N, C-alpha and C. Protein backbone atom coordinates (compact mmCIF):
# COMPACT_ATOMS: atom_id res chain seq x y z
N MET A 1 -9.54 12.13 -14.35
CA MET A 1 -8.80 10.91 -14.18
C MET A 1 -9.65 9.80 -13.52
N THR A 2 -9.63 8.60 -14.08
CA THR A 2 -10.29 7.57 -13.37
C THR A 2 -9.61 7.06 -12.13
N ASP A 3 -10.18 6.20 -11.38
CA ASP A 3 -9.54 5.72 -10.18
C ASP A 3 -8.33 4.96 -10.66
N ASN A 4 -8.32 4.18 -11.60
CA ASN A 4 -7.21 3.39 -12.11
C ASN A 4 -6.08 4.24 -12.50
N ALA A 5 -6.44 5.31 -13.26
CA ALA A 5 -5.32 6.25 -13.59
C ALA A 5 -4.77 6.95 -12.48
N GLN A 6 -5.52 7.32 -11.44
CA GLN A 6 -4.97 7.89 -10.30
C GLN A 6 -4.20 6.93 -9.43
N PHE A 7 -4.59 5.66 -9.35
CA PHE A 7 -3.89 4.59 -8.68
C PHE A 7 -2.48 4.41 -9.32
N GLU A 8 -2.45 4.36 -10.79
CA GLU A 8 -1.28 4.19 -11.35
C GLU A 8 -0.38 5.45 -11.15
N GLN A 9 -0.85 6.56 -11.13
CA GLN A 9 -0.15 7.79 -10.91
C GLN A 9 0.47 7.89 -9.60
N ALA A 10 -0.32 7.34 -8.54
CA ALA A 10 0.13 7.32 -7.23
C ALA A 10 1.26 6.37 -6.98
N GLN A 11 1.30 5.26 -7.80
CA GLN A 11 2.42 4.27 -7.83
C GLN A 11 3.71 4.97 -8.29
N LYS A 12 3.60 5.84 -9.32
CA LYS A 12 4.71 6.50 -9.79
C LYS A 12 5.19 7.69 -8.80
N ASP A 13 4.16 8.31 -8.31
CA ASP A 13 4.48 9.59 -7.49
C ASP A 13 5.21 9.16 -6.19
N VAL A 14 4.79 7.88 -5.64
CA VAL A 14 5.52 7.40 -4.37
C VAL A 14 7.00 7.22 -4.59
N ASN A 15 7.43 6.99 -5.76
CA ASN A 15 8.88 6.87 -5.98
C ASN A 15 9.57 8.16 -6.02
N THR A 16 8.89 9.34 -6.01
CA THR A 16 9.50 10.61 -6.07
C THR A 16 9.69 11.21 -4.76
N LEU A 17 9.37 10.55 -3.65
CA LEU A 17 9.59 11.03 -2.28
C LEU A 17 11.05 11.29 -2.03
N ASP A 18 11.33 12.42 -1.27
CA ASP A 18 12.72 12.77 -0.99
C ASP A 18 13.19 11.92 0.21
N ARG A 19 12.26 11.52 1.11
CA ARG A 19 12.59 10.75 2.28
C ARG A 19 11.87 9.43 2.29
N LYS A 20 12.42 8.42 2.75
CA LYS A 20 11.67 7.21 2.81
C LYS A 20 10.56 7.24 3.99
N PRO A 21 9.52 6.77 3.74
CA PRO A 21 8.45 6.76 4.79
C PRO A 21 8.81 5.75 5.93
N GLY A 22 8.22 5.89 7.01
CA GLY A 22 8.41 4.94 8.11
C GLY A 22 7.76 3.63 7.90
N ASN A 23 8.13 2.67 8.64
CA ASN A 23 7.70 1.25 8.42
C ASN A 23 6.06 1.17 8.37
N ASP A 24 5.40 1.82 9.42
CA ASP A 24 4.02 1.80 9.35
C ASP A 24 3.41 2.30 8.01
N ASP A 25 4.00 3.42 7.47
CA ASP A 25 3.38 3.93 6.29
C ASP A 25 3.79 2.97 5.11
N LEU A 26 4.92 2.34 5.15
CA LEU A 26 5.35 1.40 4.04
C LEU A 26 4.46 0.21 4.11
N LEU A 27 4.09 -0.29 5.26
CA LEU A 27 3.16 -1.37 5.31
C LEU A 27 1.84 -1.03 4.89
N PHE A 28 1.40 0.26 5.29
CA PHE A 28 -0.03 0.62 4.79
C PHE A 28 0.04 0.66 3.24
N LEU A 29 1.00 1.30 2.68
CA LEU A 29 1.10 1.42 1.23
C LEU A 29 1.07 0.05 0.58
N TYR A 30 1.94 -0.98 1.10
CA TYR A 30 2.07 -2.21 0.50
C TYR A 30 0.71 -2.95 0.65
N ALA A 31 0.02 -3.00 1.87
CA ALA A 31 -1.24 -3.66 1.98
C ALA A 31 -2.31 -3.08 1.16
N HIS A 32 -2.38 -1.73 1.00
CA HIS A 32 -3.53 -1.20 0.18
C HIS A 32 -3.16 -1.34 -1.25
N PHE A 33 -1.97 -1.34 -1.58
CA PHE A 33 -1.57 -1.63 -3.02
C PHE A 33 -2.03 -3.02 -3.38
N LYS A 34 -1.58 -4.02 -2.61
CA LYS A 34 -1.97 -5.39 -2.80
C LYS A 34 -3.46 -5.61 -2.87
N GLN A 35 -4.22 -5.08 -1.90
CA GLN A 35 -5.66 -5.17 -1.87
C GLN A 35 -6.21 -4.49 -3.10
N GLY A 36 -5.74 -3.31 -3.49
CA GLY A 36 -6.29 -2.71 -4.61
C GLY A 36 -6.10 -3.30 -5.93
N SER A 37 -4.78 -3.98 -6.03
CA SER A 37 -4.63 -4.52 -7.27
C SER A 37 -4.83 -6.06 -7.37
N THR A 38 -4.92 -6.69 -6.28
CA THR A 38 -5.18 -8.26 -6.33
C THR A 38 -6.43 -8.61 -5.66
N GLY A 39 -6.73 -7.76 -4.58
CA GLY A 39 -7.93 -8.31 -3.82
C GLY A 39 -7.50 -8.88 -2.45
N ASP A 40 -8.30 -9.82 -1.85
CA ASP A 40 -8.04 -10.36 -0.48
C ASP A 40 -6.66 -11.11 -0.56
N VAL A 41 -6.05 -11.23 0.50
CA VAL A 41 -4.72 -11.98 0.75
C VAL A 41 -4.92 -13.29 0.30
N SER A 42 -3.76 -13.73 -0.27
CA SER A 42 -3.78 -15.16 -0.77
C SER A 42 -2.43 -15.74 -0.43
N GLY A 43 -2.30 -17.07 -0.54
CA GLY A 43 -1.05 -17.78 -0.30
C GLY A 43 -0.82 -18.07 1.24
N LYS A 44 0.28 -18.65 1.49
CA LYS A 44 0.49 -19.03 2.98
C LYS A 44 1.29 -17.86 3.61
N ARG A 45 1.01 -17.69 4.85
CA ARG A 45 1.70 -16.76 5.63
C ARG A 45 3.24 -17.18 5.85
N PRO A 46 4.15 -16.29 5.55
CA PRO A 46 5.58 -16.58 5.74
C PRO A 46 5.91 -17.11 7.02
N GLY A 47 6.91 -17.87 7.15
CA GLY A 47 7.42 -18.52 8.29
C GLY A 47 8.05 -17.45 9.36
N MET A 48 8.35 -17.92 10.57
CA MET A 48 8.83 -17.02 11.60
C MET A 48 10.16 -16.31 11.25
N LEU A 49 10.92 -16.90 10.38
CA LEU A 49 12.14 -16.41 10.08
C LEU A 49 12.12 -15.20 9.11
N ASP A 50 11.04 -15.15 8.42
CA ASP A 50 10.74 -14.07 7.35
C ASP A 50 9.98 -13.00 8.04
N MET A 51 10.51 -12.22 8.92
CA MET A 51 9.78 -11.29 9.59
C MET A 51 9.20 -10.12 8.78
N VAL A 52 9.96 -9.69 7.81
CA VAL A 52 9.40 -8.76 6.76
C VAL A 52 8.24 -9.25 5.97
N GLY A 53 8.43 -10.42 5.46
CA GLY A 53 7.30 -10.97 4.67
C GLY A 53 5.99 -11.24 5.54
N ARG A 54 6.30 -11.61 6.72
CA ARG A 54 5.30 -11.91 7.73
C ARG A 54 4.51 -10.65 8.00
N ALA A 55 5.15 -9.40 8.24
CA ALA A 55 4.51 -8.22 8.56
C ALA A 55 3.81 -7.76 7.24
N LYS A 56 4.31 -7.87 6.10
CA LYS A 56 3.57 -7.47 4.97
C LYS A 56 2.34 -8.37 4.71
N TYR A 57 2.38 -9.59 4.87
CA TYR A 57 1.29 -10.58 4.79
C TYR A 57 0.20 -10.09 5.86
N ASP A 58 0.66 -9.95 7.03
CA ASP A 58 -0.41 -9.58 8.15
C ASP A 58 -0.99 -8.31 7.88
N ALA A 59 -0.22 -7.19 7.35
CA ALA A 59 -0.91 -5.97 7.05
C ALA A 59 -1.96 -6.13 5.91
N TRP A 60 -1.65 -6.90 5.00
CA TRP A 60 -2.57 -7.21 3.85
C TRP A 60 -3.83 -7.85 4.27
N ALA A 61 -3.55 -8.95 5.10
CA ALA A 61 -4.68 -9.84 5.66
C ALA A 61 -5.70 -8.99 6.41
N LYS A 62 -5.19 -7.93 7.12
CA LYS A 62 -6.14 -7.14 7.90
C LYS A 62 -7.20 -6.36 7.09
N LEU A 63 -6.89 -6.30 5.77
CA LEU A 63 -7.72 -5.45 4.81
C LEU A 63 -8.74 -6.49 4.20
N LYS A 64 -8.79 -7.71 4.53
CA LYS A 64 -9.70 -8.79 3.92
C LYS A 64 -11.09 -8.24 3.94
N GLY A 65 -11.75 -8.39 2.73
CA GLY A 65 -13.13 -7.83 2.63
C GLY A 65 -13.27 -6.48 2.14
N MET A 66 -12.17 -5.62 2.18
CA MET A 66 -12.19 -4.26 1.71
C MET A 66 -12.26 -4.32 0.13
N SER A 67 -13.11 -3.45 -0.45
CA SER A 67 -13.22 -3.47 -1.94
C SER A 67 -11.85 -3.03 -2.45
N GLN A 68 -11.55 -3.50 -3.75
CA GLN A 68 -10.50 -2.97 -4.37
C GLN A 68 -10.48 -1.54 -4.63
N ASP A 69 -11.65 -0.98 -4.85
CA ASP A 69 -11.90 0.53 -5.13
C ASP A 69 -11.46 1.28 -3.81
N ASP A 70 -11.98 0.80 -2.75
CA ASP A 70 -11.62 1.43 -1.41
C ASP A 70 -10.23 1.37 -1.17
N ALA A 71 -9.61 0.22 -1.39
CA ALA A 71 -8.12 0.14 -1.13
C ALA A 71 -7.33 1.05 -1.91
N LYS A 72 -7.71 1.18 -3.27
CA LYS A 72 -7.11 2.10 -4.32
C LYS A 72 -7.19 3.54 -3.75
N GLN A 73 -8.34 3.90 -3.32
CA GLN A 73 -8.49 5.22 -2.87
C GLN A 73 -7.77 5.56 -1.63
N LYS A 74 -7.66 4.62 -0.71
CA LYS A 74 -6.91 4.86 0.51
C LYS A 74 -5.42 4.96 0.11
N TYR A 75 -4.98 4.19 -0.84
CA TYR A 75 -3.57 4.24 -1.31
C TYR A 75 -3.30 5.56 -1.99
N ILE A 76 -4.12 6.01 -2.80
CA ILE A 76 -4.06 7.30 -3.37
C ILE A 76 -3.95 8.51 -2.43
N ASP A 77 -4.86 8.44 -1.48
CA ASP A 77 -4.95 9.47 -0.34
C ASP A 77 -3.54 9.44 0.44
N LYS A 78 -3.08 8.25 0.82
CA LYS A 78 -1.85 8.10 1.53
C LYS A 78 -0.63 8.65 0.69
N VAL A 79 -0.68 8.32 -0.35
CA VAL A 79 0.47 8.92 -1.34
C VAL A 79 0.51 10.40 -1.39
N ALA A 80 -0.76 10.92 -1.52
CA ALA A 80 -0.94 12.42 -1.59
C ALA A 80 -0.55 13.05 -0.27
N ALA A 81 -0.79 12.42 0.88
CA ALA A 81 -0.36 12.90 2.21
C ALA A 81 1.12 12.82 2.22
N LEU A 82 1.80 11.73 1.86
CA LEU A 82 3.22 11.65 1.91
C LEU A 82 3.87 12.54 0.94
N LEU A 83 3.35 12.95 -0.21
CA LEU A 83 3.87 13.93 -1.03
C LEU A 83 4.05 15.22 -0.40
N LYS A 84 3.08 15.55 0.45
CA LYS A 84 3.06 16.81 1.15
C LYS A 84 4.16 16.81 2.33
N SER A 85 4.39 15.66 2.94
CA SER A 85 5.26 15.64 4.12
C SER A 85 6.57 15.11 3.82
N HIS A 86 6.77 14.39 2.66
CA HIS A 86 8.16 13.88 2.39
C HIS A 86 8.82 14.37 1.08
N LYS A 87 8.45 15.68 0.72
CA LYS A 87 9.00 16.17 -0.41
C LYS A 87 9.54 17.71 -0.09
N GLY A 88 10.58 17.94 -0.65
CA GLY A 88 11.16 19.35 -0.54
C GLY A 88 11.47 19.77 0.79
């Protein structure tokens, strides 16, 4: 499997978890997905009243400069770990 195929499979696998991951894991997944699929953060940081959007933006912004391949691999690895701890 190529990295892209593994990345796409991880996106499907994450939806099969029996339990919802914690906020830190969800932010990790969001940020690494965005970095892996889009690259460095773009757009304006959401305003103070959009706390969820702001947290997501900040998590993604911390990955600035990370290669898309590295972000994809970290996403794949995190999903694999969650599949072990959040299934069955």
